[in-house]
C-alpha atoms as a PDB file:
ATOM      1  CA  MET A   1      32.315 -53.071  61.243  1.00  0.00           C
ATOM      2  CA  ARG A   2      30.249 -54.962  63.843  1.00  0.00           C
ATOM      3  CA  ALA A   3      26.843 -53.427  63.606  1.00  0.00           C
ATOM      4  CA  TYR A   4      23.930 -54.514  65.741  1.00  0.00           C
ATOM      5  CA  GLY A   5      20.262 -53.438  66.093  1.00  0.00           C
ATOM      6  CA  ILE A   6      17.954 -53.182  69.097  1.00  0.00           C
ATOM      7  CA  THR A   7      14.107 -53.298  68.951  1.00  0.00           C
ATOM      8  CA  ARG A   8      11.451 -53.318  71.645  1.00  0.00           C
ATOM      9  CA  VAL A   9       7.710 -53.216  72.007  1.00  0.00           C
ATOM     10  CA  SER A  10       5.971 -53.406  75.381  1.00  0.00           C
ATOM     11  CA  THR A  11       2.329 -53.113  74.386  1.00  0.00           C
ATOM     12  CA  GLY A  12      -0.040 -54.063  71.578  1.00  0.00           C
ATOM     13  CA  LYS A  13      -0.782 -50.349  71.293  1.00  0.00           C
ATOM     14  CA  GLN A  14       2.762 -49.756  69.980  1.00  0.00           C
ATOM     15  CA  VAL A  15       2.288 -52.410  67.338  1.00  0.00           C
ATOM     16  CA  LYS A  16      -1.076 -50.981  66.338  1.00  0.00           C
ATOM     17  CA  PHE A  17       0.146 -47.419  65.979  1.00  0.00           C
ATOM     18  CA  GLY A  18       3.207 -47.944  63.835  1.00  0.00           C
ATOM     19  CA  ALA A  19       6.112 -49.183  66.000  1.00  0.00           C
ATOM     20  CA  SER A  20       5.750 -52.899  65.383  1.00  0.00           C
ATOM     21  CA  LEU A  21       8.828 -55.043  65.597  1.00  0.00           C
ATOM     22  CA  GLU A  22       8.685 -55.736  61.876  1.00  0.00           C
ATOM     23  CA  MET A  23       8.679 -51.967  61.109  1.00  0.00           C
ATOM     24  CA  GLN A  24      11.537 -51.341  63.532  1.00  0.00           C
ATOM     25  CA  ILE A  25      13.567 -54.211  61.934  1.00  0.00           C
ATOM     26  CA  GLU A  26      12.918 -52.867  58.421  1.00  0.00           C
ATOM     27  CA  ARG A  27      13.973 -49.376  59.499  1.00  0.00           C
ATOM     28  CA  ILE A  28      17.209 -50.686  61.115  1.00  0.00           C
ATOM     29  CA  HIS A  29      18.211 -52.550  57.988  1.00  0.00           C
ATOM     30  CA  SER A  30      17.438 -49.490  55.899  1.00  0.00           C
ATOM     31  CA  MET A  31      19.529 -47.210  58.072  1.00  0.00           C
ATOM     32  CA  ALA A  32      22.408 -49.668  58.008  1.00  0.00           C
ATOM     33  CA  LYS A  33      22.225 -50.057  54.252  1.00  0.00           C
ATOM     34  CA  ASN A  34      22.291 -46.259  53.839  1.00  0.00           C
ATOM     35  CA  ARG A  35      25.522 -46.231  55.918  1.00  0.00           C
ATOM     36  CA  GLY A  36      27.022 -49.122  53.951  1.00  0.00           C
ATOM     37  CA  GLU A  37      26.752 -51.465  56.937  1.00  0.00           C
ATOM     38  CA  GLU A  38      25.356 -54.922  57.418  1.00  0.00           C
ATOM     39  CA  ILE A  39      23.606 -55.837  60.630  1.00  0.00           C
ATOM     40  CA  THR A  40      25.193 -58.727  62.543  1.00  0.00           C
ATOM     41  CA  LYS A  41      22.194 -59.310  64.795  1.00  0.00           C
ATOM     42  CA  ILE A  42      19.098 -57.506  66.005  1.00  0.00           C
ATOM     43  CA  PHE A  43      18.366 -57.909  69.715  1.00  0.00           C
ATOM     44  CA  THR A  44      14.615 -57.899  70.490  1.00  0.00           C
ATOM     45  CA  ASP A  45      12.675 -57.575  73.714  1.00  0.00           C
ATOM     46  CA  GLU A  46       8.965 -58.007  73.337  1.00  0.00           C
ATOM     47  CA  GLY A  47       6.304 -57.362  75.990  1.00  0.00           C
ATOM     48  CA  VAL A  48       8.712 -55.752  78.484  1.00  0.00           C
ATOM     49  CA  SER A  49       8.585 -52.097  79.506  1.00  0.00           C
ATOM     50  CA  GLY A  50      11.704 -50.085  78.647  1.00  0.00           C
ATOM     51  CA  GLY A  51      11.787 -48.996  82.304  1.00  0.00           C
ATOM     52  CA  GLU A  52      12.336 -52.548  83.429  1.00  0.00           C
ATOM     53  CA  THR A  53      15.898 -52.836  82.093  1.00  0.00           C
ATOM     54  CA  THR A  54      16.948 -55.882  84.180  1.00  0.00           C
ATOM     55  CA  LYS A  55      13.974 -57.820  82.664  1.00  0.00           C
ATOM     56  CA  ARG A  56      15.065 -57.000  79.147  1.00  0.00           C
ATOM     57  CA  ILE A  57      17.232 -60.052  78.444  1.00  0.00           C
ATOM     58  CA  GLU A  58      18.249 -59.138  74.854  1.00  0.00           C
ATOM     59  CA  TYR A  59      19.058 -55.538  75.820  1.00  0.00           C
ATOM     60  CA  MET A  60      21.274 -56.779  78.598  1.00  0.00           C
ATOM     61  CA  LYS A  61      23.102 -59.124  76.145  1.00  0.00           C
ATOM     62  CA  LEU A  62      23.818 -56.192  73.887  1.00  0.00           C
ATOM     63  CA  VAL A  63      25.095 -54.116  76.811  1.00  0.00           C
ATOM     64  CA  GLU A  64      27.496 -56.913  77.727  1.00  0.00           C
ATOM     65  CA  LEU A  65      28.749 -57.071  74.121  1.00  0.00           C
ATOM     66  CA  VAL A  66      29.326 -53.309  74.176  1.00  0.00           C
ATOM     67  CA  LYS A  67      31.262 -53.597  77.443  1.00  0.00           C
ATOM     68  CA  ALA A  68      33.356 -56.403  76.009  1.00  0.00           C
ATOM     69  CA  GLY A  69      34.345 -54.210  73.055  1.00  0.00           C
ATOM     70  CA  GLN A  70      32.593 -56.378  70.505  1.00  0.00           C
ATOM     71  CA  VAL A  71      30.279 -53.655  69.069  1.00  0.00           C
ATOM     72  CA  ASP A  72      31.192 -50.869  66.698  1.00  0.00           C
ATOM     73  CA  MET A  73      27.769 -49.470  65.841  1.00  0.00           C
ATOM     74  CA  ILE A  74      24.146 -49.809  67.124  1.00  0.00           C
ATOM     75  CA  PHE A  75      21.063 -48.998  65.068  1.00  0.00           C
ATOM     76  CA  THR A  76      17.535 -48.458  66.459  1.00  0.00           C
ATOM     77  CA  TYR A  77      14.269 -47.007  65.259  1.00  0.00           C
ATOM     78  CA  HIS A  78      14.039 -44.527  68.113  1.00  0.00           C
ATOM     79  CA  MET A  79      15.961 -43.607  71.238  1.00  0.00           C
ATOM     80  CA  SER A  80      13.066 -44.838  73.396  1.00  0.00           C
ATOM     81  CA  ARG A  81      13.940 -48.416  72.349  1.00  0.00           C
ATOM     82  CA  TYR A  82      17.032 -48.170  74.572  1.00  0.00           C
ATOM     83  CA  GLY A  83      15.027 -47.194  77.642  1.00  0.00           C
ATOM     84  CA  ARG A  84      12.092 -45.171  78.928  1.00  0.00           C
ATOM     85  CA  ASN A  85      13.858 -42.972  81.441  1.00  0.00           C
ATOM     86  CA  PHE A  86      16.637 -40.456  81.239  1.00  0.00           C
ATOM     87  CA  GLU A  87      18.888 -42.162  83.714  1.00  0.00           C
ATOM     88  CA  GLU A  88      18.864 -45.446  81.752  1.00  0.00           C
ATOM     89  CA  LEU A  89      19.467 -43.627  78.459  1.00  0.00           C
ATOM     90  CA  GLN A  90      22.338 -41.696  79.947  1.00  0.00           C
ATOM     91  CA  ARG A  91      23.855 -44.877  81.447  1.00  0.00           C
ATOM     92  CA  PHE A  92      23.644 -46.706  78.155  1.00  0.00           C
ATOM     93  CA  TRP A  93      25.045 -43.801  76.135  1.00  0.00           C
ATOM     94  CA  LYS A  94      27.971 -43.484  78.549  1.00  0.00           C
ATOM     95  CA  ILE A  95      28.814 -47.201  78.165  1.00  0.00           C
ATOM     96  CA  CYS A  96      28.707 -46.797  74.377  1.00  0.00           C
ATOM     97  CA  GLU A  97      30.847 -43.655  74.459  1.00  0.00           C
ATOM     98  CA  LYS A  98      33.451 -45.340  76.704  1.00  0.00           C
ATOM     99  CA  ASN A  99      33.660 -48.234  74.228  1.00  0.00           C
ATOM    100  CA  ASN A 100      33.652 -46.005  71.037  1.00  0.00           C
ATOM    101  CA  VAL A 101      30.308 -47.297  69.846  1.00  0.00           C
ATOM    102  CA  ILE A 102      28.421 -45.249  67.277  1.00  0.00           C
ATOM    103  CA  ILE A 103      24.691 -45.006  67.946  1.00  0.00           C
ATOM    104  CA  GLU A 104      22.324 -44.375  65.003  1.00  0.00           C
ATOM    105  CA  HIS A 105      18.581 -43.712  65.347  1.00  0.00           C
ATOM    106  CA  ASP A 106      15.804 -41.761  63.694  1.00  0.00           C
END
């Protein structure tokens, strides 16, 4: 199975209060291991707001892989790592659903 991860931090405050990139990456690997999966790659956007989707280069790369049918499963620490507004979350989930991608998060 082609499993990927997605992480994001936009502020130093997120790092300070427990959502550091390192913690997110550890959690993704732990979730994948519990499912018997190995992560192919983790896409990381640092210092960019979740609401600024077009500025999130790594996120956009993952979306393109999903659209191309090259992703089976995506792991993330929290749903907010996909986006900070309902419309973006809904758009992303619909793309994943259309391409039979399983989404795993805490």
